[in-house]
Amino acid sequence: SRVVNTNYTYNRLSPETLYELGILVNNGVLNSTTLSTVINSTFSLPPRPVLKEGELKNTSVVAMVTLNQNDSAVLTTVGMFIQQYGRPDTMQSSDTQPYDILSLPVTLEFTFTGLDTNTNYTLFTSATYRNYSFNEYILPIISDISPSINLITSDGVPDAPNITLASDGVLSWTKPDDNGATISRYILRYVQSGVDDVITETEDLAATST
């Protein structure tokens, strides 16, 4: 006897859209006289992340996502992914964050470090849904991702060095943190102290100076 498949997954639907799905039965000659239908709505995509104000740095970024109550489904775990634009091989993932659905709305924060300076990145939210039906939670369905946002990390800004002046007049310092950008030179500044009309002189020093 011939085995007929009675399961089908269709994955090219639009989010947050009402669909009517129908099945006809065919025996090789005739179709069934009636069309069996079911109506259902797809879930919305996870919310798009937003950058936390003032937290886009040269090698790190803090992003947020706000979750609201959904009548048909809730997000059970939420995470984020970041990658250099057009380079999936550079993808980083955050730890997923569970939350209490009774506390909605809630805002979650995610931090990414170790990024390259002055680089274009793509950031998006990943989430797992549970369907809500008859006051019970059904098994989790597959995770989905949000629309992405693009960001550019800032140029590396080096820290100021700690300097010391020896009794013999030798000025010395140790190399400060370059924050992701190679130090190319030091600028030595002379300021005449205690004079109203300040006179400033500068001198470029090689990055290998000590």
C-alpha atoms as a PDB file:
ATOM      1  CA  SER A   1       0.000   0.000   0.000  1.00  0.00           C
ATOM      2  CA  ARG A   2       1.092   3.566  -0.626  1.00  0.00           C
ATOM      3  CA  VAL A   3       2.155   5.680   2.365  1.00  0.00           C
ATOM      4  CA  VAL A   4       0.697   9.184   2.351  1.00  0.00           C
ATOM      5  CA  ASN A   5       2.418  11.903   4.377  1.00  0.00           C
ATOM      6  CA  THR A   6       0.019  13.690   6.748  1.00  0.00           C
ATOM      7  CA  ASN A   7       2.421  16.317   8.093  1.00  0.00           C
ATOM      8  CA  TYR A   8       3.736  19.417   6.399  1.00  0.00           C
ATOM      9  CA  THR A   9       5.753  22.390   7.607  1.00  0.00           C
ATOM     10  CA  TYR A  10       5.463  25.649   5.716  1.00  0.00           C
ATOM     11  CA  ASN A  11       8.084  28.206   6.692  1.00  0.00           C
ATOM     12  CA  ARG A  12       7.539  31.095   4.295  1.00  0.00           C
ATOM     13  CA  LEU A  13       4.710  32.830   6.099  1.00  0.00           C
ATOM     14  CA  SER A  14       4.681  36.443   7.248  1.00  0.00           C
ATOM     15  CA  PRO A  15       4.754  37.273  10.965  1.00  0.00           C
ATOM     16  CA  GLU A  16       1.641  38.470  12.806  1.00  0.00           C
ATOM     17  CA  THR A  17      -0.651  37.478   9.932  1.00  0.00           C
ATOM     18  CA  LEU A  18      -3.943  35.545   9.844  1.00  0.00           C
ATOM     19  CA  TYR A  19      -3.935  32.544   7.479  1.00  0.00           C
ATOM     20  CA  GLU A  20      -6.557  30.055   6.333  1.00  0.00           C
ATOM     21  CA  LEU A  21      -5.019  26.682   5.500  1.00  0.00           C
ATOM     22  CA  GLY A  22      -6.901  24.032   3.545  1.00  0.00           C
ATOM     23  CA  ILE A  23      -6.410  20.376   2.570  1.00  0.00           C
ATOM     24  CA  LEU A  24      -8.047  18.421  -0.262  1.00  0.00           C
ATOM     25  CA  VAL A  25      -7.668  14.649  -0.513  1.00  0.00           C
ATOM     26  CA  ASN A  26      -6.861  13.015  -3.849  1.00  0.00           C
ATOM     27  CA  ASN A  27      -6.975   9.273  -4.634  1.00  0.00           C
ATOM     28  CA  GLY A  28      -5.168   9.544  -7.950  1.00  0.00           C
ATOM     29  CA  VAL A  29      -8.396  10.222  -9.841  1.00  0.00           C
ATOM     30  CA  LEU A  30     -10.706  12.437  -7.829  1.00  0.00           C
ATOM     31  CA  ASN A  31     -10.421  15.074  -5.158  1.00  0.00           C
ATOM     32  CA  SER A  32     -12.477  15.095  -1.974  1.00  0.00           C
ATOM     33  CA  THR A  33     -15.740  16.962  -2.306  1.00  0.00           C
ATOM     34  CA  THR A  34     -15.031  19.288   0.623  1.00  0.00           C
ATOM     35  CA  LEU A  35     -12.030  21.332   1.659  1.00  0.00           C
ATOM     36  CA  SER A  36     -10.959  20.949   5.272  1.00  0.00           C
ATOM     37  CA  THR A  37      -9.697  24.288   6.594  1.00  0.00           C
ATOM     38  CA  VAL A  38      -8.166  25.751   9.704  1.00  0.00           C
ATOM     39  CA  ILE A  39      -7.566  29.419  10.529  1.00  0.00           C
ATOM     40  CA  ASN A  40      -4.598  30.523  12.606  1.00  0.00           C
ATOM     41  CA  SER A  41      -2.394  33.541  13.114  1.00  0.00           C
ATOM     42  CA  THR A  42       1.396  33.575  13.067  1.00  0.00           C
ATOM     43  CA  PHE A  43       3.280  35.111  15.983  1.00  0.00           C
ATOM     44  CA  SER A  44       4.957  38.492  15.865  1.00  0.00           C
ATOM     45  CA  LEU A  45       8.741  38.595  15.550  1.00  0.00           C
ATOM     46  CA  PRO A  46      10.823  39.187  18.679  1.00  0.00           C
ATOM     47  CA  PRO A  47      11.200  42.904  19.429  1.00  0.00           C
ATOM     48  CA  ARG A  48      13.981  44.806  17.697  1.00  0.00           C
ATOM     49  CA  PRO A  49      16.876  45.740  20.026  1.00  0.00           C
ATOM     50  CA  VAL A  50      17.766  49.344  20.825  1.00  0.00           C
ATOM     51  CA  LEU A  51      21.126  50.730  21.940  1.00  0.00           C
ATOM     52  CA  LYS A  52      21.434  51.962  25.513  1.00  0.00           C
ATOM     53  CA  GLU A  53      22.195  55.669  25.455  1.00  0.00           C
ATOM     54  CA  GLY A  54      25.888  56.402  25.861  1.00  0.00           C
ATOM     55  CA  GLU A  55      26.888  52.728  25.831  1.00  0.00           C
ATOM     56  CA  LEU A  56      28.131  52.365  22.244  1.00  0.00           C
ATOM     57  CA  LYS A  57      31.884  52.417  22.796  1.00  0.00           C
ATOM     58  CA  ASN A  58      34.925  51.554  20.712  1.00  0.00           C
ATOM     59  CA  THR A  59      35.103  47.879  21.741  1.00  0.00           C
ATOM     60  CA  SER A  60      31.788  47.293  23.526  1.00  0.00           C
ATOM     61  CA  VAL A  61      28.078  47.967  23.313  1.00  0.00           C
ATOM     62  CA  VAL A  62      25.060  47.599  25.605  1.00  0.00           C
ATOM     63  CA  ALA A  63      21.710  46.898  23.936  1.00  0.00           C
ATOM     64  CA  MET A  64      18.210  46.610  25.383  1.00  0.00           C
ATOM     65  CA  VAL A  65      14.969  44.911  24.461  1.00  0.00           C
ATOM     66  CA  THR A  66      11.548  45.569  25.994  1.00  0.00           C
ATOM     67  CA  LEU A  67       9.065  42.706  26.244  1.00  0.00           C
ATOM     68  CA  ASN A  68       5.309  43.207  26.408  1.00  0.00           C
ATOM     69  CA  GLN A  69       2.428  40.829  27.010  1.00  0.00           C
ATOM     70  CA  ASN A  70       1.193  38.925  23.961  1.00  0.00           C
ATOM     71  CA  ASP A  71      -2.270  37.370  24.093  1.00  0.00           C
ATOM     72  CA  SER A  72      -1.441  34.338  21.952  1.00  0.00           C
ATOM     73  CA  ALA A  73       2.165  33.604  22.871  1.00  0.00           C
ATOM     74  CA  VAL A  74       4.901  34.700  25.230  1.00  0.00           C
ATOM     75  CA  LEU A  75       8.651  34.790  24.928  1.00  0.00           C
ATOM     76  CA  THR A  76      10.258  32.449  27.448  1.00  0.00           C
ATOM     77  CA  THR A  77      13.962  33.083  26.824  1.00  0.00           C
ATOM     78  CA  VAL A  78      15.560  36.013  25.075  1.00  0.00           C
ATOM     79  CA  GLY A  79      19.101  36.490  23.803  1.00  0.00           C
ATOM     80  CA  MET A  80      21.026  38.653  21.356  1.00  0.00           C
ATOM     81  CA  PHE A  81      23.518  38.125  18.559  1.00  0.00           C
ATOM     82  CA  ILE A  82      26.043  40.533  17.053  1.00  0.00           C
ATOM     83  CA  GLN A  83      28.281  40.120  14.026  1.00  0.00           C
ATOM     84  CA  GLN A  84      30.360  42.290  11.747  1.00  0.00           C
ATOM     85  CA  TYR A  85      28.221  43.431   8.839  1.00  0.00           C
ATOM     86  CA  GLY A  86      28.155  40.711   6.154  1.00  0.00           C
ATOM     87  CA  ARG A  87      30.449  38.414   8.156  1.00  0.00           C
ATOM     88  CA  PRO A  88      28.530  35.630   9.949  1.00  0.00           C
ATOM     89  CA  ASP A  89      31.860  34.035  10.897  1.00  0.00           C
ATOM     90  CA  THR A  90      32.343  36.847  13.451  1.00  0.00           C
ATOM     91  CA  MET A  91      29.049  36.236  15.274  1.00  0.00           C
ATOM     92  CA  GLN A  92      28.906  36.540  19.050  1.00  0.00           C
ATOM     93  CA  SER A  93      25.956  35.387  21.132  1.00  0.00           C
ATOM     94  CA  SER A  94      24.876  36.592  24.547  1.00  0.00           C
ATOM     95  CA  ASP A  95      23.568  34.412  27.336  1.00  0.00           C
ATOM     96  CA  THR A  96      19.808  33.948  27.085  1.00  0.00           C
ATOM     97  CA  GLN A  97      17.815  35.599  29.834  1.00  0.00           C
ATOM     98  CA  PRO A  98      14.672  33.982  31.261  1.00  0.00           C
ATOM     99  CA  TYR A  99      12.160  36.288  32.901  1.00  0.00           C
ATOM    100  CA  ASP A 100       8.913  36.194  34.831  1.00  0.00           C
ATOM    101  CA  ILE A 101       5.940  36.694  32.520  1.00  0.00           C
ATOM    102  CA  LEU A 102       4.014  38.162  35.446  1.00  0.00           C
ATOM    103  CA  SER A 103       6.480  41.055  35.550  1.00  0.00           C
ATOM    104  CA  LEU A 104       5.738  42.284  32.011  1.00  0.00           C
ATOM    105  CA  PRO A 105       6.494  44.740  30.584  1.00  0.00           C
ATOM    106  CA  VAL A 106      10.183  44.243  31.328  1.00  0.00           C
ATOM    107  CA  THR A 107      13.398  45.587  29.774  1.00  0.00           C
ATOM    108  CA  LEU A 108      16.449  43.306  29.484  1.00  0.00           C
ATOM    109  CA  GLU A 109      20.030  44.458  28.880  1.00  0.00           C
ATOM    110  CA  PHE A 110      22.772  42.634  26.963  1.00  0.00           C
ATOM    111  CA  THR A 111      26.473  43.567  26.868  1.00  0.00           C
ATOM    112  CA  PHE A 112      28.970  42.668  24.134  1.00  0.00           C
ATOM    113  CA  THR A 113      32.705  43.241  24.564  1.00  0.00           C
ATOM    114  CA  GLY A 114      35.835  42.547  22.539  1.00  0.00           C
ATOM    115  CA  LEU A 115      34.524  44.301  19.414  1.00  0.00           C
ATOM    116  CA  ASP A 116      36.765  45.864  16.782  1.00  0.00           C
ATOM    117  CA  THR A 117      37.047  49.640  16.718  1.00  0.00           C
ATOM    118  CA  ASN A 118      35.444  51.718  13.949  1.00  0.00           C
ATOM    119  CA  THR A 119      33.624  48.665  12.576  1.00  0.00           C
ATOM    120  CA  ASN A 120      30.083  48.166  11.239  1.00  0.00           C
ATOM    121  CA  TYR A 121      28.083  45.558  13.197  1.00  0.00           C
ATOM    122  CA  THR A 122      24.639  43.983  12.886  1.00  0.00           C
ATOM    123  CA  LEU A 123      22.656  43.293  16.073  1.00  0.00           C
ATOM    124  CA  PHE A 124      19.438  41.310  16.501  1.00  0.00           C
ATOM    125  CA  THR A 125      17.283  39.632  19.144  1.00  0.00           C
ATOM    126  CA  SER A 126      16.706  35.884  19.364  1.00  0.00           C
ATOM    127  CA  ALA A 127      13.792  34.429  21.327  1.00  0.00           C
ATOM    128  CA  THR A 128      11.862  31.247  22.057  1.00  0.00           C
ATOM    129  CA  TYR A 129       8.070  31.303  22.219  1.00  0.00           C
ATOM    130  CA  ARG A 130       5.553  29.236  24.147  1.00  0.00           C
ATOM    131  CA  ASN A 131       2.062  29.061  22.746  1.00  0.00           C
ATOM    132  CA  TYR A 132      -0.724  29.903  25.178  1.00  0.00           C
ATOM    133  CA  SER A 133      -3.944  27.904  24.839  1.00  0.00           C
ATOM    134  CA  PHE A 134      -6.706  26.945  27.253  1.00  0.00           C
ATOM    135  CA  ASN A 135      -4.779  28.433  30.183  1.00  0.00           C
ATOM    136  CA  GLU A 136      -1.907  26.037  29.644  1.00  0.00           C
ATOM    137  CA  TYR A 137       1.492  26.424  28.068  1.00  0.00           C
ATOM    138  CA  ILE A 138       2.212  24.107  25.161  1.00  0.00           C
ATOM    139  CA  LEU A 139       5.733  22.884  24.400  1.00  0.00           C
ATOM    140  CA  PRO A 140       8.173  25.589  23.227  1.00  0.00           C
ATOM    141  CA  ILE A 141       8.309  26.166  19.495  1.00  0.00           C
ATOM    142  CA  ILE A 142      11.425  26.964  17.497  1.00  0.00           C
ATOM    143  CA  SER A 143      13.245  30.211  18.198  1.00  0.00           C
ATOM    144  CA  ASP A 144      12.914  33.182  15.900  1.00  0.00           C
ATOM    145  CA  ILE A 145      14.929  36.359  15.337  1.00  0.00           C
ATOM    146  CA  SER A 146      13.996  40.021  15.165  1.00  0.00           C
ATOM    147  CA  PRO A 147      14.697  42.573  12.460  1.00  0.00           C
ATOM    148  CA  SER A 148      18.294  43.723  12.877  1.00  0.00           C
ATOM    149  CA  ILE A 149      19.859  47.101  13.564  1.00  0.00           C
ATOM    150  CA  ASN A 150      23.235  48.352  12.336  1.00  0.00           C
ATOM    151  CA  LEU A 151      25.820  50.162  14.441  1.00  0.00           C
ATOM    152  CA  ILE A 152      29.393  51.405  14.074  1.00  0.00           C
ATOM    153  CA  THR A 153      31.809  51.224  16.972  1.00  0.00           C
ATOM    154  CA  SER A 154      33.787  54.370  17.686  1.00  0.00           C
ATOM    155  CA  ASP A 155      37.489  54.861  17.114  1.00  0.00           C
ATOM    156  CA  GLY A 156      39.804  53.610  19.823  1.00  0.00           C
ATOM    157  CA  VAL A 157      40.619  56.336  22.380  1.00  0.00           C
ATOM    158  CA  PRO A 158      43.716  55.546  24.456  1.00  0.00           C
ATOM    159  CA  ASP A 159      43.775  56.053  28.211  1.00  0.00           C
ATOM    160  CA  ALA A 160      45.977  58.771  29.706  1.00  0.00           C
ATOM    161  CA  PRO A 161      49.323  57.448  30.990  1.00  0.00           C
ATOM    162  CA  ASN A 162      50.554  57.630  34.569  1.00  0.00           C
ATOM    163  CA  ILE A 163      53.651  59.809  34.513  1.00  0.00           C
ATOM    164  CA  THR A 164      56.494  60.377  36.994  1.00  0.00           C
ATOM    165  CA  LEU A 165      59.249  63.017  37.096  1.00  0.00           C
ATOM    166  CA  ALA A 166      62.539  61.943  38.607  1.00  0.00           C
ATOM    167  CA  SER A 167      64.873  64.278  40.516  1.00  0.00           C
ATOM    168  CA  ASP A 168      67.242  64.330  37.540  1.00  0.00           C
ATOM    169  CA  GLY A 169      64.474  65.756  35.350  1.00  0.00           C
ATOM    170  CA  VAL A 170      63.654  62.522  33.514  1.00  0.00           C
ATOM    171  CA  LEU A 171      59.965  62.216  32.701  1.00  0.00           C
ATOM    172  CA  SER A 172      58.750  58.620  32.357  1.00  0.00           C
ATOM    173  CA  TRP A 173      55.498  56.731  31.898  1.00  0.00           C
ATOM    174  CA  THR A 174      54.252  53.264  31.107  1.00  0.00           C
ATOM    175  CA  LYS A 175      52.247  52.454  28.012  1.00  0.00           C
ATOM    176  CA  PRO A 176      48.533  53.017  28.735  1.00  0.00           C
ATOM    177  CA  ASP A 177      45.663  50.895  27.500  1.00  0.00           C
ATOM    178  CA  ASP A 178      45.159  51.653  23.791  1.00  0.00           C
ATOM    179  CA  ASN A 179      41.491  50.477  23.878  1.00  0.00           C
ATOM    180  CA  GLY A 180      41.734  48.628  20.611  1.00  0.00           C
ATOM    181  CA  ALA A 181      43.726  51.121  18.509  1.00  0.00           C
ATOM    182  CA  THR A 182      47.520  51.044  18.177  1.00  0.00           C
ATOM    183  CA  ILE A 183      49.297  54.017  19.755  1.00  0.00           C
ATOM    184  CA  SER A 184      51.290  55.787  17.030  1.00  0.00           C
ATOM    185  CA  ARG A 185      52.860  58.662  19.007  1.00  0.00           C
ATOM    186  CA  TYR A 186      52.871  60.616  22.264  1.00  0.00           C
ATOM    187  CA  ILE A 187      52.384  64.388  22.444  1.00  0.00           C
ATOM    188  CA  LEU A 188      54.435  66.078  25.150  1.00  0.00           C
ATOM    189  CA  ARG A 189      52.913  69.378  26.298  1.00  0.00           C
ATOM    190  CA  TYR A 190      54.672  72.147  28.203  1.00  0.00           C
ATOM    191  CA  VAL A 191      52.440  74.559  30.136  1.00  0.00           C
ATOM    192  CA  GLN A 192      53.905  77.542  31.989  1.00  0.00           C
ATOM    193  CA  SER A 193      52.352  77.263  35.432  1.00  0.00           C
ATOM    194  CA  GLY A 194      51.045  80.239  37.403  1.00  0.00           C
ATOM    195  CA  VAL A 195      50.994  82.660  34.484  1.00  0.00           C
ATOM    196  CA  ASP A 196      47.746  84.277  33.343  1.00  0.00           C
ATOM    197  CA  ASP A 197      48.707  84.216  29.675  1.00  0.00           C
ATOM    198  CA  VAL A 198      49.425  80.493  29.441  1.00  0.00           C
ATOM    199  CA  ILE A 199      52.059  79.537  26.909  1.00  0.00           C
ATOM    200  CA  THR A 200      51.754  75.965  25.646  1.00  0.00           C
ATOM    201  CA  GLU A 201      54.355  74.134  23.641  1.00  0.00           C
ATOM    202  CA  THR A 202      54.023  70.608  22.242  1.00  0.00           C
ATOM    203  CA  GLU A 203      56.463  68.059  20.970  1.00  0.00           C
ATOM    204  CA  ASP A 204      55.737  64.805  19.152  1.00  0.00           C
ATOM    205  CA  LEU A 205      57.437  61.714  20.503  1.00  0.00           C
ATOM    206  CA  ALA A 206      57.677  58.291  18.917  1.00  0.00           C
ATOM    207  CA  ALA A 207      55.370  55.642  20.336  1.00  0.00           C
ATOM    208  CA  THR A 208      58.463  53.775  21.561  1.00  0.00           C
ATOM    209  CA  SER A 209      59.464  56.632  23.879  1.00  0.00           C
ATOM    210  CA  THR A 210      59.731  55.969  27.606  1.00  0.00           C
END
